[in-house]
Amino acid sequence: MDEPPQKKSTGSLTTWHKRLGHVAKATVKKLSKKQMVKRMEIDEHDDKDETHQCSTCLKGKMTQQPIPKVSDIENPRILYHIYSDICGPMQKMTQDGHCYFMTFIDGHSQYIKVELLKTKDEAVEKLMALIKRAEVETGKQVNYFQSNGGGELSYTSSPVWK
């Protein structure tokens, strides 16, 4: 027995562009003209398809600026600028019950210190202790402190700041 003829799949140029993985529209036309895709039929009545800009393709062509090898933020000496963040709660606690950690990074030396926390409430005390210790050891003072602004290290969160 002969198989019944298969129905053609009709779609606009944009539809076929998307169906074929966002290939160039010239490639879609070439595939159709050479009948390289079975049952492919392009609806020629859609005039706007020639100039239509595919938002997915535009996003894919966007580029980001490369990350600079050297920071434009001035960190002339140790402890001039300290960066910090808190991460957690983690799914698994340590044996001692810690489920958060806090990072401290010196902007000049890139020295990193990590402190474990049981609760976020401990953050300000750990920060103050680290700053005092670093200032005593280096003889320098912290000029700027920067966190992600999550609120854990705000001036109002603890009487230690006052």
N, C-alpha and C. Protein backbone atom coordinates (compact mmCIF):
# COMPACT_ATOMS: atom_id res chain seq x y z
N MET A 1 0.83 -1.18 0.00
CA MET A 1 0.00 0.00 0.00
C MET A 1 0.87 1.24 0.00
N ASP A 2 0.37 2.23 -0.68
CA ASP A 2 1.05 3.51 -0.71
C ASP A 2 0.66 4.32 0.53
N GLU A 3 1.67 5.03 1.06
CA GLU A 3 1.39 5.89 2.21
C GLU A 3 0.72 7.17 1.71
N PRO A 4 -0.24 7.67 2.49
CA PRO A 4 -0.87 8.93 2.08
C PRO A 4 0.16 10.05 2.12
N PRO A 5 0.01 11.03 1.25
CA PRO A 5 0.97 12.13 1.25
C PRO A 5 0.92 12.88 2.59
N GLN A 6 2.11 13.22 3.07
CA GLN A 6 2.21 13.94 4.34
C GLN A 6 1.82 15.39 4.14
N LYS A 7 1.14 15.93 5.12
CA LYS A 7 0.73 17.33 5.09
C LYS A 7 1.95 18.22 5.30
N LYS A 8 2.03 19.29 4.54
CA LYS A 8 3.14 20.23 4.69
C LYS A 8 2.98 21.03 5.98
N SER A 9 4.10 21.39 6.56
CA SER A 9 4.10 22.23 7.74
C SER A 9 4.37 23.65 7.29
N THR A 10 3.38 24.50 7.45
CA THR A 10 3.50 25.88 7.00
C THR A 10 3.75 26.79 8.18
N GLY A 11 4.65 27.73 7.96
CA GLY A 11 4.95 28.72 8.99
C GLY A 11 5.63 29.91 8.36
N SER A 12 5.61 31.00 9.06
CA SER A 12 6.27 32.20 8.56
C SER A 12 7.78 32.01 8.63
N LEU A 13 8.49 32.90 7.99
CA LEU A 13 9.95 32.86 8.02
C LEU A 13 10.46 32.93 9.46
N THR A 14 9.84 33.76 10.28
CA THR A 14 10.22 33.89 11.69
C THR A 14 9.94 32.59 12.44
N THR A 15 8.81 31.96 12.17
CA THR A 15 8.47 30.69 12.82
C THR A 15 9.51 29.63 12.50
N TRP A 16 9.88 29.52 11.22
CA TRP A 16 10.89 28.54 10.84
C TRP A 16 12.26 28.88 11.41
N HIS A 17 12.55 30.15 11.48
CA HIS A 17 13.80 30.60 12.09
C HIS A 17 13.88 30.09 13.53
N LYS A 18 12.80 30.18 14.27
CA LYS A 18 12.76 29.71 15.66
C LYS A 18 12.78 28.18 15.72
N ARG A 19 12.00 27.53 14.85
CA ARG A 19 11.93 26.06 14.85
C ARG A 19 13.29 25.43 14.56
N LEU A 20 14.08 26.10 13.75
CA LEU A 20 15.37 25.54 13.34
C LEU A 20 16.52 26.03 14.21
N GLY A 21 16.22 26.48 15.39
CA GLY A 21 17.27 26.84 16.34
C GLY A 21 17.88 28.20 16.10
N HIS A 22 17.08 29.13 15.56
CA HIS A 22 17.51 30.51 15.37
C HIS A 22 18.64 30.65 14.34
N VAL A 23 18.58 29.82 13.28
CA VAL A 23 19.55 29.98 12.20
C VAL A 23 19.21 31.25 11.43
N ALA A 24 20.16 31.72 10.64
CA ALA A 24 19.95 32.93 9.85
C ALA A 24 18.77 32.74 8.91
N LYS A 25 18.05 33.81 8.66
CA LYS A 25 16.86 33.70 7.79
C LYS A 25 17.25 33.33 6.37
N ALA A 26 18.42 33.74 5.93
CA ALA A 26 18.90 33.33 4.60
C ALA A 26 19.08 31.81 4.55
N THR A 27 19.51 31.22 5.65
CA THR A 27 19.67 29.77 5.73
C THR A 27 18.32 29.08 5.68
N VAL A 28 17.33 29.64 6.34
CA VAL A 28 15.97 29.08 6.31
C VAL A 28 15.47 29.07 4.87
N LYS A 29 15.65 30.17 4.17
CA LYS A 29 15.21 30.25 2.77
C LYS A 29 15.93 29.22 1.89
N LYS A 30 17.22 29.07 2.14
CA LYS A 30 18.02 28.11 1.37
C LYS A 30 17.54 26.68 1.61
N LEU A 31 17.28 26.35 2.87
CA LEU A 31 16.78 25.02 3.21
C LEU A 31 15.44 24.75 2.53
N SER A 32 14.59 25.76 2.48
CA SER A 32 13.28 25.61 1.85
C SER A 32 13.42 25.46 0.34
N LYS A 33 14.23 26.30 -0.26
CA LYS A 33 14.40 26.30 -1.72
C LYS A 33 14.97 24.97 -2.20
N LYS A 34 15.94 24.42 -1.47
CA LYS A 34 16.57 23.17 -1.86
C LYS A 34 15.83 21.95 -1.32
N GLN A 35 14.70 22.18 -0.65
CA GLN A 35 13.87 21.13 -0.08
C GLN A 35 14.68 20.18 0.81
N MET A 36 15.49 20.78 1.67
CA MET A 36 16.34 20.01 2.56
C MET A 36 15.63 19.63 3.86
N VAL A 37 14.49 20.25 4.14
CA VAL A 37 13.68 19.92 5.31
C VAL A 37 12.35 19.40 4.79
N LYS A 38 12.03 18.17 5.16
CA LYS A 38 10.80 17.54 4.67
C LYS A 38 9.57 18.31 5.13
N ARG A 39 8.65 18.46 4.24
CA ARG A 39 7.34 19.07 4.49
C ARG A 39 7.42 20.52 4.95
N MET A 40 8.53 21.19 4.67
CA MET A 40 8.70 22.59 5.08
C MET A 40 8.10 23.51 4.03
N GLU A 41 7.25 24.41 4.50
CA GLU A 41 6.67 25.40 3.59
C GLU A 41 6.66 26.75 4.30
N ILE A 42 7.24 27.75 3.64
CA ILE A 42 7.29 29.10 4.22
C ILE A 42 6.10 29.88 3.69
N ASP A 43 5.35 30.47 4.60
CA ASP A 43 4.22 31.33 4.24
C ASP A 43 4.78 32.64 3.70
N GLU A 44 4.64 32.85 2.43
CA GLU A 44 5.22 34.04 1.78
C GLU A 44 4.40 35.31 2.00
N HIS A 45 3.21 35.18 2.59
CA HIS A 45 2.34 36.35 2.75
C HIS A 45 2.74 37.25 3.91
N ASP A 46 3.68 36.81 4.72
CA ASP A 46 4.07 37.60 5.90
C ASP A 46 5.26 38.47 5.54
N ASP A 47 5.00 39.71 5.09
CA ASP A 47 6.06 40.60 4.59
C ASP A 47 6.98 41.10 5.69
N LYS A 48 6.46 41.25 6.89
CA LYS A 48 7.27 41.84 7.97
C LYS A 48 8.38 40.91 8.43
N ASP A 49 8.30 39.63 8.09
CA ASP A 49 9.30 38.67 8.55
C ASP A 49 10.70 38.98 8.05
N GLU A 50 10.83 39.60 6.88
CA GLU A 50 12.15 39.92 6.34
C GLU A 50 12.94 40.82 7.28
N THR A 51 12.27 41.79 7.88
CA THR A 51 12.97 42.78 8.70
C THR A 51 12.77 42.54 10.20
N HIS A 52 11.98 41.54 10.55
CA HIS A 52 11.70 41.27 11.97
C HIS A 52 12.99 40.93 12.71
N GLN A 53 13.21 41.60 13.85
CA GLN A 53 14.39 41.33 14.69
C GLN A 53 13.98 40.34 15.78
N CYS A 54 14.65 39.23 15.85
CA CYS A 54 14.36 38.21 16.85
C CYS A 54 15.01 38.63 18.17
N SER A 55 14.20 38.81 19.22
CA SER A 55 14.73 39.28 20.50
C SER A 55 15.70 38.27 21.11
N THR A 56 15.44 36.98 20.93
CA THR A 56 16.34 35.95 21.46
C THR A 56 17.71 36.05 20.79
N CYS A 57 17.72 36.24 19.48
CA CYS A 57 18.99 36.36 18.76
C CYS A 57 19.73 37.64 19.16
N LEU A 58 18.98 38.73 19.36
CA LEU A 58 19.61 39.98 19.78
C LEU A 58 20.26 39.82 21.15
N LYS A 59 19.58 39.14 22.07
CA LYS A 59 20.15 38.91 23.40
C LYS A 59 21.40 38.05 23.29
N GLY A 60 21.37 37.07 22.40
CA GLY A 60 22.52 36.19 22.23
C GLY A 60 23.73 36.90 21.65
N LYS A 61 23.50 37.96 20.92
CA LYS A 61 24.59 38.71 20.31
C LYS A 61 25.16 39.77 21.24
N MET A 62 24.45 40.04 22.34
CA MET A 62 24.93 41.04 23.28
C MET A 62 26.23 40.56 23.91
N THR A 63 27.11 41.48 24.16
CA THR A 63 28.36 41.11 24.80
C THR A 63 28.51 41.92 26.09
N GLN A 64 29.23 41.36 27.01
CA GLN A 64 29.53 42.06 28.25
C GLN A 64 30.97 42.55 28.17
N GLN A 65 31.21 43.61 28.87
CA GLN A 65 32.58 44.10 28.95
C GLN A 65 33.40 43.09 29.74
N PRO A 66 34.63 42.85 29.32
CA PRO A 66 35.45 41.91 30.08
C PRO A 66 35.73 42.46 31.48
N ILE A 67 35.91 41.55 32.42
CA ILE A 67 36.22 41.96 33.78
C ILE A 67 37.64 42.53 33.77
N PRO A 68 37.81 43.74 34.26
CA PRO A 68 39.15 44.34 34.21
C PRO A 68 40.14 43.57 35.07
N LYS A 69 41.37 43.48 34.59
CA LYS A 69 42.43 42.78 35.32
C LYS A 69 42.86 43.59 36.54
N VAL A 70 42.71 44.90 36.46
CA VAL A 70 43.09 45.79 37.55
C VAL A 70 41.86 46.60 37.95
N SER A 71 41.59 46.69 39.24
CA SER A 71 40.44 47.44 39.72
C SER A 71 40.68 48.94 39.58
N ASP A 72 39.62 49.67 39.27
CA ASP A 72 39.74 51.12 39.22
C ASP A 72 39.46 51.75 40.60
N ILE A 73 39.16 50.90 41.58
CA ILE A 73 38.96 51.39 42.95
C ILE A 73 40.33 51.49 43.60
N GLU A 74 40.57 52.61 44.19
CA GLU A 74 41.87 52.84 44.79
C GLU A 74 41.95 52.22 46.18
N ASN A 75 42.89 51.35 46.35
CA ASN A 75 43.18 50.71 47.64
C ASN A 75 44.67 50.89 47.91
N PRO A 76 45.09 52.07 48.37
CA PRO A 76 46.51 52.38 48.44
C PRO A 76 47.29 51.60 49.52
N ARG A 77 46.59 51.01 50.48
CA ARG A 77 47.32 50.31 51.55
C ARG A 77 46.41 49.26 52.19
N ILE A 78 47.01 48.43 53.00
CA ILE A 78 46.28 47.40 53.74
C ILE A 78 45.25 48.06 54.65
N LEU A 79 44.08 47.46 54.73
CA LEU A 79 42.94 47.89 55.56
C LEU A 79 42.28 49.18 55.08
N TYR A 80 42.68 49.70 53.93
CA TYR A 80 42.04 50.91 53.44
C TYR A 80 40.57 50.63 53.12
N HIS A 81 40.28 49.49 52.51
CA HIS A 81 38.92 49.15 52.10
C HIS A 81 38.71 47.66 52.39
N ILE A 82 37.73 47.35 53.24
CA ILE A 82 37.40 45.97 53.59
C ILE A 82 36.02 45.64 53.00
N TYR A 83 35.94 44.50 52.34
CA TYR A 83 34.69 44.02 51.75
C TYR A 83 34.23 42.80 52.55
N SER A 84 32.91 42.67 52.72
CA SER A 84 32.40 41.56 53.51
C SER A 84 31.05 41.10 52.99
N ASP A 85 30.76 39.82 53.23
CA ASP A 85 29.45 39.28 52.88
C ASP A 85 29.17 38.09 53.79
N ILE A 86 27.88 37.80 53.95
CA ILE A 86 27.44 36.66 54.74
C ILE A 86 26.70 35.70 53.82
N CYS A 87 26.98 34.43 53.97
CA CYS A 87 26.33 33.41 53.15
C CYS A 87 25.65 32.40 54.06
N GLY A 88 24.45 32.00 53.70
CA GLY A 88 23.74 30.98 54.48
C GLY A 88 22.28 31.33 54.62
N PRO A 89 21.53 30.52 55.28
CA PRO A 89 21.95 29.31 55.98
C PRO A 89 22.24 28.17 55.00
N MET A 90 23.23 27.37 55.33
CA MET A 90 23.59 26.21 54.53
C MET A 90 22.65 25.06 54.86
N GLN A 91 22.51 24.14 53.94
CA GLN A 91 21.63 23.00 54.17
C GLN A 91 22.15 22.10 55.28
N LYS A 92 23.47 21.98 55.37
CA LYS A 92 24.09 21.14 56.39
C LYS A 92 24.83 22.03 57.39
N MET A 93 24.68 21.76 58.67
CA MET A 93 25.41 22.48 59.71
C MET A 93 26.73 21.78 59.98
N THR A 94 27.67 22.54 60.52
CA THR A 94 28.91 21.91 60.99
C THR A 94 28.60 21.13 62.26
N GLN A 95 29.56 20.37 62.72
CA GLN A 95 29.35 19.60 63.96
C GLN A 95 29.12 20.53 65.14
N ASP A 96 29.65 21.74 65.07
CA ASP A 96 29.48 22.71 66.15
C ASP A 96 28.21 23.55 66.00
N GLY A 97 27.42 23.31 64.96
CA GLY A 97 26.15 24.03 64.78
C GLY A 97 26.25 25.30 63.96
N HIS A 98 27.34 25.51 63.24
CA HIS A 98 27.47 26.69 62.37
C HIS A 98 26.76 26.42 61.05
N CYS A 99 25.94 27.37 60.61
CA CYS A 99 25.26 27.21 59.33
C CYS A 99 25.40 28.45 58.44
N TYR A 100 26.17 29.43 58.86
CA TYR A 100 26.48 30.62 58.06
C TYR A 100 27.99 30.79 58.01
N PHE A 101 28.46 31.49 56.99
CA PHE A 101 29.85 31.93 57.03
C PHE A 101 29.92 33.36 56.53
N MET A 102 30.95 34.04 56.98
CA MET A 102 31.13 35.45 56.67
C MET A 102 32.53 35.64 56.11
N THR A 103 32.64 36.36 55.01
CA THR A 103 33.95 36.61 54.39
C THR A 103 34.37 38.04 54.64
N PHE A 104 35.66 38.23 54.77
CA PHE A 104 36.28 39.55 54.88
C PHE A 104 37.41 39.58 53.86
N ILE A 105 37.44 40.57 53.00
CA ILE A 105 38.49 40.66 51.99
C ILE A 105 39.11 42.05 52.06
N ASP A 106 40.44 42.08 52.18
CA ASP A 106 41.16 43.35 52.15
C ASP A 106 41.36 43.75 50.70
N GLY A 107 40.94 44.96 50.34
CA GLY A 107 41.00 45.44 48.97
C GLY A 107 42.40 45.60 48.43
N HIS A 108 43.37 45.85 49.27
CA HIS A 108 44.75 46.07 48.82
C HIS A 108 45.49 44.74 48.63
N SER A 109 45.50 43.92 49.66
CA SER A 109 46.29 42.68 49.62
C SER A 109 45.50 41.49 49.09
N GLN A 110 44.17 41.62 49.01
CA GLN A 110 43.27 40.53 48.64
C GLN A 110 43.28 39.39 49.67
N TYR A 111 43.77 39.69 50.88
CA TYR A 111 43.76 38.71 51.97
C TYR A 111 42.30 38.40 52.31
N ILE A 112 42.00 37.12 52.47
CA ILE A 112 40.62 36.70 52.75
C ILE A 112 40.59 35.99 54.10
N LYS A 113 39.62 36.36 54.90
CA LYS A 113 39.39 35.71 56.19
C LYS A 113 37.94 35.24 56.18
N VAL A 114 37.72 34.00 56.60
CA VAL A 114 36.37 33.44 56.66
C VAL A 114 36.07 33.09 58.11
N GLU A 115 34.91 33.53 58.58
CA GLU A 115 34.46 33.23 59.94
C GLU A 115 33.16 32.44 59.87
N LEU A 116 33.04 31.41 60.68
CA LEU A 116 31.81 30.63 60.76
C LEU A 116 30.87 31.27 61.77
N LEU A 117 29.58 31.24 61.47
CA LEU A 117 28.57 31.83 62.36
C LEU A 117 27.45 30.82 62.61
N LYS A 118 26.95 30.81 63.84
CA LYS A 118 25.78 29.99 64.14
C LYS A 118 24.51 30.74 63.75
N THR A 119 24.51 32.06 63.97
CA THR A 119 23.38 32.91 63.58
C THR A 119 23.92 34.20 62.98
N LYS A 120 23.10 34.90 62.25
CA LYS A 120 23.51 36.17 61.65
C LYS A 120 23.76 37.23 62.73
N ASP A 121 23.17 37.04 63.89
CA ASP A 121 23.34 38.00 64.98
C ASP A 121 24.79 38.13 65.42
N GLU A 122 25.59 37.12 65.17
CA GLU A 122 26.99 37.13 65.58
C GLU A 122 27.86 37.98 64.64
N ALA A 123 27.33 38.38 63.51
CA ALA A 123 28.12 39.02 62.46
C ALA A 123 28.81 40.31 62.91
N VAL A 124 28.09 41.18 63.56
CA VAL A 124 28.66 42.47 63.95
C VAL A 124 29.80 42.28 64.95
N GLU A 125 29.61 41.40 65.92
CA GLU A 125 30.67 41.16 66.90
C GLU A 125 31.91 40.57 66.24
N LYS A 126 31.72 39.63 65.31
CA LYS A 126 32.86 39.04 64.59
C LYS A 126 33.56 40.11 63.77
N LEU A 127 32.79 40.98 63.14
CA LEU A 127 33.37 42.05 62.33
C LEU A 127 34.20 42.98 63.19
N MET A 128 33.64 43.42 64.29
CA MET A 128 34.36 44.35 65.17
C MET A 128 35.64 43.72 65.72
N ALA A 129 35.57 42.46 66.10
CA ALA A 129 36.75 41.76 66.61
C ALA A 129 37.82 41.65 65.54
N LEU A 130 37.41 41.34 64.31
CA LEU A 130 38.37 41.22 63.21
C LEU A 130 39.02 42.57 62.91
N ILE A 131 38.23 43.62 62.87
CA ILE A 131 38.78 44.95 62.58
C ILE A 131 39.76 45.37 63.68
N LYS A 132 39.38 45.19 64.93
CA LYS A 132 40.27 45.57 66.04
C LYS A 132 41.59 44.80 65.97
N ARG A 133 41.49 43.50 65.74
CA ARG A 133 42.70 42.67 65.67
C ARG A 133 43.59 43.10 64.50
N ALA A 134 42.99 43.33 63.33
CA ALA A 134 43.75 43.72 62.14
C ALA A 134 44.42 45.08 62.35
N GLU A 135 43.71 46.01 62.98
CA GLU A 135 44.28 47.34 63.22
C GLU A 135 45.45 47.27 64.20
N VAL A 136 45.35 46.42 65.21
CA VAL A 136 46.44 46.27 66.18
C VAL A 136 47.65 45.63 65.50
N GLU A 137 47.41 44.58 64.71
CA GLU A 137 48.51 43.86 64.06
C GLU A 137 49.23 44.70 63.01
N THR A 138 48.49 45.54 62.27
CA THR A 138 49.11 46.28 61.17
C THR A 138 49.47 47.72 61.53
N GLY A 139 48.86 48.26 62.56
CA GLY A 139 49.07 49.67 62.89
C GLY A 139 48.33 50.60 61.95
N LYS A 140 47.47 50.07 61.10
CA LYS A 140 46.67 50.87 60.15
C LYS A 140 45.21 50.84 60.59
N GLN A 141 44.44 51.82 60.09
CA GLN A 141 43.01 51.86 60.40
C GLN A 141 42.19 51.55 59.15
N VAL A 142 41.03 50.95 59.36
CA VAL A 142 40.09 50.70 58.27
C VAL A 142 39.46 52.03 57.90
N ASN A 143 39.52 52.38 56.60
CA ASN A 143 38.90 53.62 56.14
C ASN A 143 37.48 53.38 55.61
N TYR A 144 37.30 52.29 54.87
CA TYR A 144 36.00 51.99 54.27
C TYR A 144 35.65 50.54 54.52
N PHE A 145 34.38 50.32 54.83
CA PHE A 145 33.87 48.98 54.98
C PHE A 145 32.68 48.85 54.05
N GLN A 146 32.65 47.78 53.26
CA GLN A 146 31.57 47.62 52.29
C GLN A 146 31.02 46.20 52.38
N SER A 147 29.70 46.12 52.55
CA SER A 147 29.03 44.81 52.51
C SER A 147 27.99 44.89 51.40
N ASN A 148 27.28 43.80 51.18
CA ASN A 148 26.30 43.76 50.11
C ASN A 148 25.00 44.50 50.45
N GLY A 149 24.91 45.06 51.63
CA GLY A 149 23.71 45.82 52.00
C GLY A 149 22.55 44.95 52.43
N GLY A 150 22.83 43.70 52.82
CA GLY A 150 21.77 42.79 53.23
C GLY A 150 21.15 43.13 54.58
N GLY A 151 21.74 44.06 55.31
CA GLY A 151 21.17 44.49 56.57
C GLY A 151 21.78 43.84 57.80
N GLU A 152 22.53 42.74 57.61
CA GLU A 152 23.10 42.05 58.76
C GLU A 152 24.13 42.92 59.48
N LEU A 153 24.77 43.82 58.75
CA LEU A 153 25.86 44.61 59.31
C LEU A 153 25.52 46.09 59.37
N SER A 154 24.26 46.41 59.52
CA SER A 154 23.87 47.82 59.56
C SER A 154 24.18 48.42 60.93
N TYR A 155 24.32 49.72 60.96
CA TYR A 155 24.64 50.42 62.20
C TYR A 155 23.56 50.21 63.26
N THR A 156 22.34 50.03 62.82
CA THR A 156 21.24 49.91 63.77
C THR A 156 21.04 48.47 64.24
N SER A 157 21.76 47.51 63.63
CA SER A 157 21.50 46.12 63.98
C SER A 157 22.16 45.71 65.30
N SER A 158 23.08 46.50 65.80
CA SER A 158 23.76 46.11 67.03
C SER A 158 24.27 47.32 67.80
N PRO A 159 24.24 47.24 69.12
CA PRO A 159 24.78 48.34 69.92
C PRO A 159 26.31 48.42 69.85
N VAL A 160 26.97 47.42 69.27
CA VAL A 160 28.43 47.40 69.17
C VAL A 160 28.93 48.60 68.37
N TRP A 161 28.16 49.03 67.36
CA TRP A 161 28.57 50.15 66.51
C TRP A 161 28.56 51.48 67.27
N LYS A 162 27.73 51.57 68.27
CA LYS A 162 27.50 52.87 68.92
C LYS A 162 28.54 53.21 69.94
